[in-house]
Amino acid sequence: MDHIARFQMNGLRALSALSRYGTLSKAASHLCVSPGAISKQVVRIEEQLGHRVFDRTSDGFVPVQDYHGFTRGTVRRI
């Protein structure tokens, strides 16, 4: 989890909210930002990691198996 320190706090909040709520609109509503802002932050983190953090489904976003623990750990820290 040492790599968490290099991410911006807004990105971690977006990651946490999307992990918790599962959709861009619900995560955005929780953080009082636009769904586009959540999407941009998540894409930025995925680019920094070099891997997807979420699977995109018709029902929303689901943490990929490799990062399920990462997102849960992030939620606990924020």
Protein backbone atom coordinates (compact mmCIF):
# COMPACT_ATOMS: atom_id res chain seq x y z
CA MET A 1 0.00 0.00 0.00
CA ASP A 2 3.03 2.32 -0.15
CA HIS A 3 1.88 3.50 -3.58
CA ILE A 4 -1.20 5.17 -2.05
CA ALA A 5 0.96 8.14 -0.97
CA ARG A 6 1.59 9.23 -4.58
CA PHE A 7 -2.10 9.66 -5.43
CA GLN A 8 -3.97 12.91 -4.94
CA MET A 9 -6.54 12.90 -2.17
CA ASN A 10 -9.39 13.76 -4.57
CA GLY A 11 -8.52 10.69 -6.61
CA LEU A 12 -8.56 8.47 -3.55
CA ARG A 13 -11.89 9.92 -2.46
CA ALA A 14 -13.31 9.24 -5.92
CA LEU A 15 -11.95 5.70 -5.83
CA SER A 16 -13.41 5.15 -2.39
CA ALA A 17 -16.83 6.54 -3.30
CA LEU A 18 -17.03 4.57 -6.55
CA SER A 19 -16.01 1.40 -4.74
CA ARG A 20 -18.67 2.00 -2.10
CA TYR A 21 -21.56 3.16 -4.32
CA GLY A 22 -20.80 1.37 -7.59
CA THR A 23 -21.98 4.07 -10.01
CA LEU A 24 -20.52 7.35 -11.16
CA SER A 25 -23.72 9.25 -10.39
CA LYS A 26 -24.06 7.95 -6.82
CA ALA A 27 -20.36 8.46 -6.09
CA ALA A 28 -20.53 11.97 -7.55
CA SER A 29 -23.63 12.82 -5.54
CA HIS A 30 -21.93 11.64 -2.35
CA LEU A 31 -18.89 13.85 -3.03
CA CYS A 32 -20.90 16.78 -4.46
CA VAL A 33 -19.03 16.71 -7.77
CA SER A 34 -19.94 15.73 -11.32
CA PRO A 35 -19.84 12.13 -12.58
CA GLY A 36 -17.23 13.31 -15.08
CA ALA A 37 -14.96 14.41 -12.23
CA ILE A 38 -15.19 10.94 -10.65
CA SER A 39 -14.46 9.29 -13.98
CA LYS A 40 -11.45 11.52 -14.63
CA GLN A 41 -9.95 10.80 -11.20
CA VAL A 42 -10.43 7.04 -11.54
CA VAL A 43 -8.88 7.03 -15.02
CA ARG A 44 -5.92 9.02 -13.66
CA ILE A 45 -5.32 6.48 -10.88
CA GLU A 46 -5.66 3.57 -13.30
CA GLU A 47 -3.11 5.23 -15.60
CA GLN A 48 -0.71 5.74 -12.69
CA LEU A 49 -1.06 2.10 -11.69
CA GLY A 50 -0.89 0.84 -15.24
CA HIS A 51 -3.92 -1.39 -14.61
CA ARG A 52 -7.69 -1.15 -14.39
CA VAL A 53 -9.05 -0.86 -10.87
CA PHE A 54 -12.70 -1.33 -11.86
CA ASP A 55 -14.56 -3.50 -14.31
CA ARG A 56 -17.18 -1.49 -16.13
CA THR A 57 -20.50 -3.35 -16.27
CA SER A 58 -24.02 -2.45 -17.34
CA ASP A 59 -24.86 -2.14 -13.62
CA GLY A 60 -21.92 0.10 -12.74
CA PHE A 61 -18.36 -0.32 -11.55
CA VAL A 62 -16.98 -3.36 -9.73
CA PRO A 63 -13.42 -3.51 -8.35
CA VAL A 64 -11.34 -6.00 -10.31
CA GLN A 65 -10.26 -8.99 -8.28
CA ASP A 66 -6.62 -7.88 -8.06
CA TYR A 67 -7.60 -4.50 -6.63
CA HIS A 68 -10.54 -5.44 -4.43
CA GLY A 69 -8.27 -5.37 -1.38
CA PHE A 70 -6.70 -2.11 -2.56
CA THR A 71 -10.08 -0.36 -2.81
CA ARG A 72 -11.26 -1.79 0.53
CA GLY A 73 -8.05 -0.64 2.19
CA THR A 74 -8.43 2.80 0.66
CA VAL A 75 -11.99 3.09 1.95
CA ARG A 76 -10.83 2.29 5.48
CA ARG A 77 -8.04 4.90 5.34
CA ILE A 78 -10.12 7.81 4.05
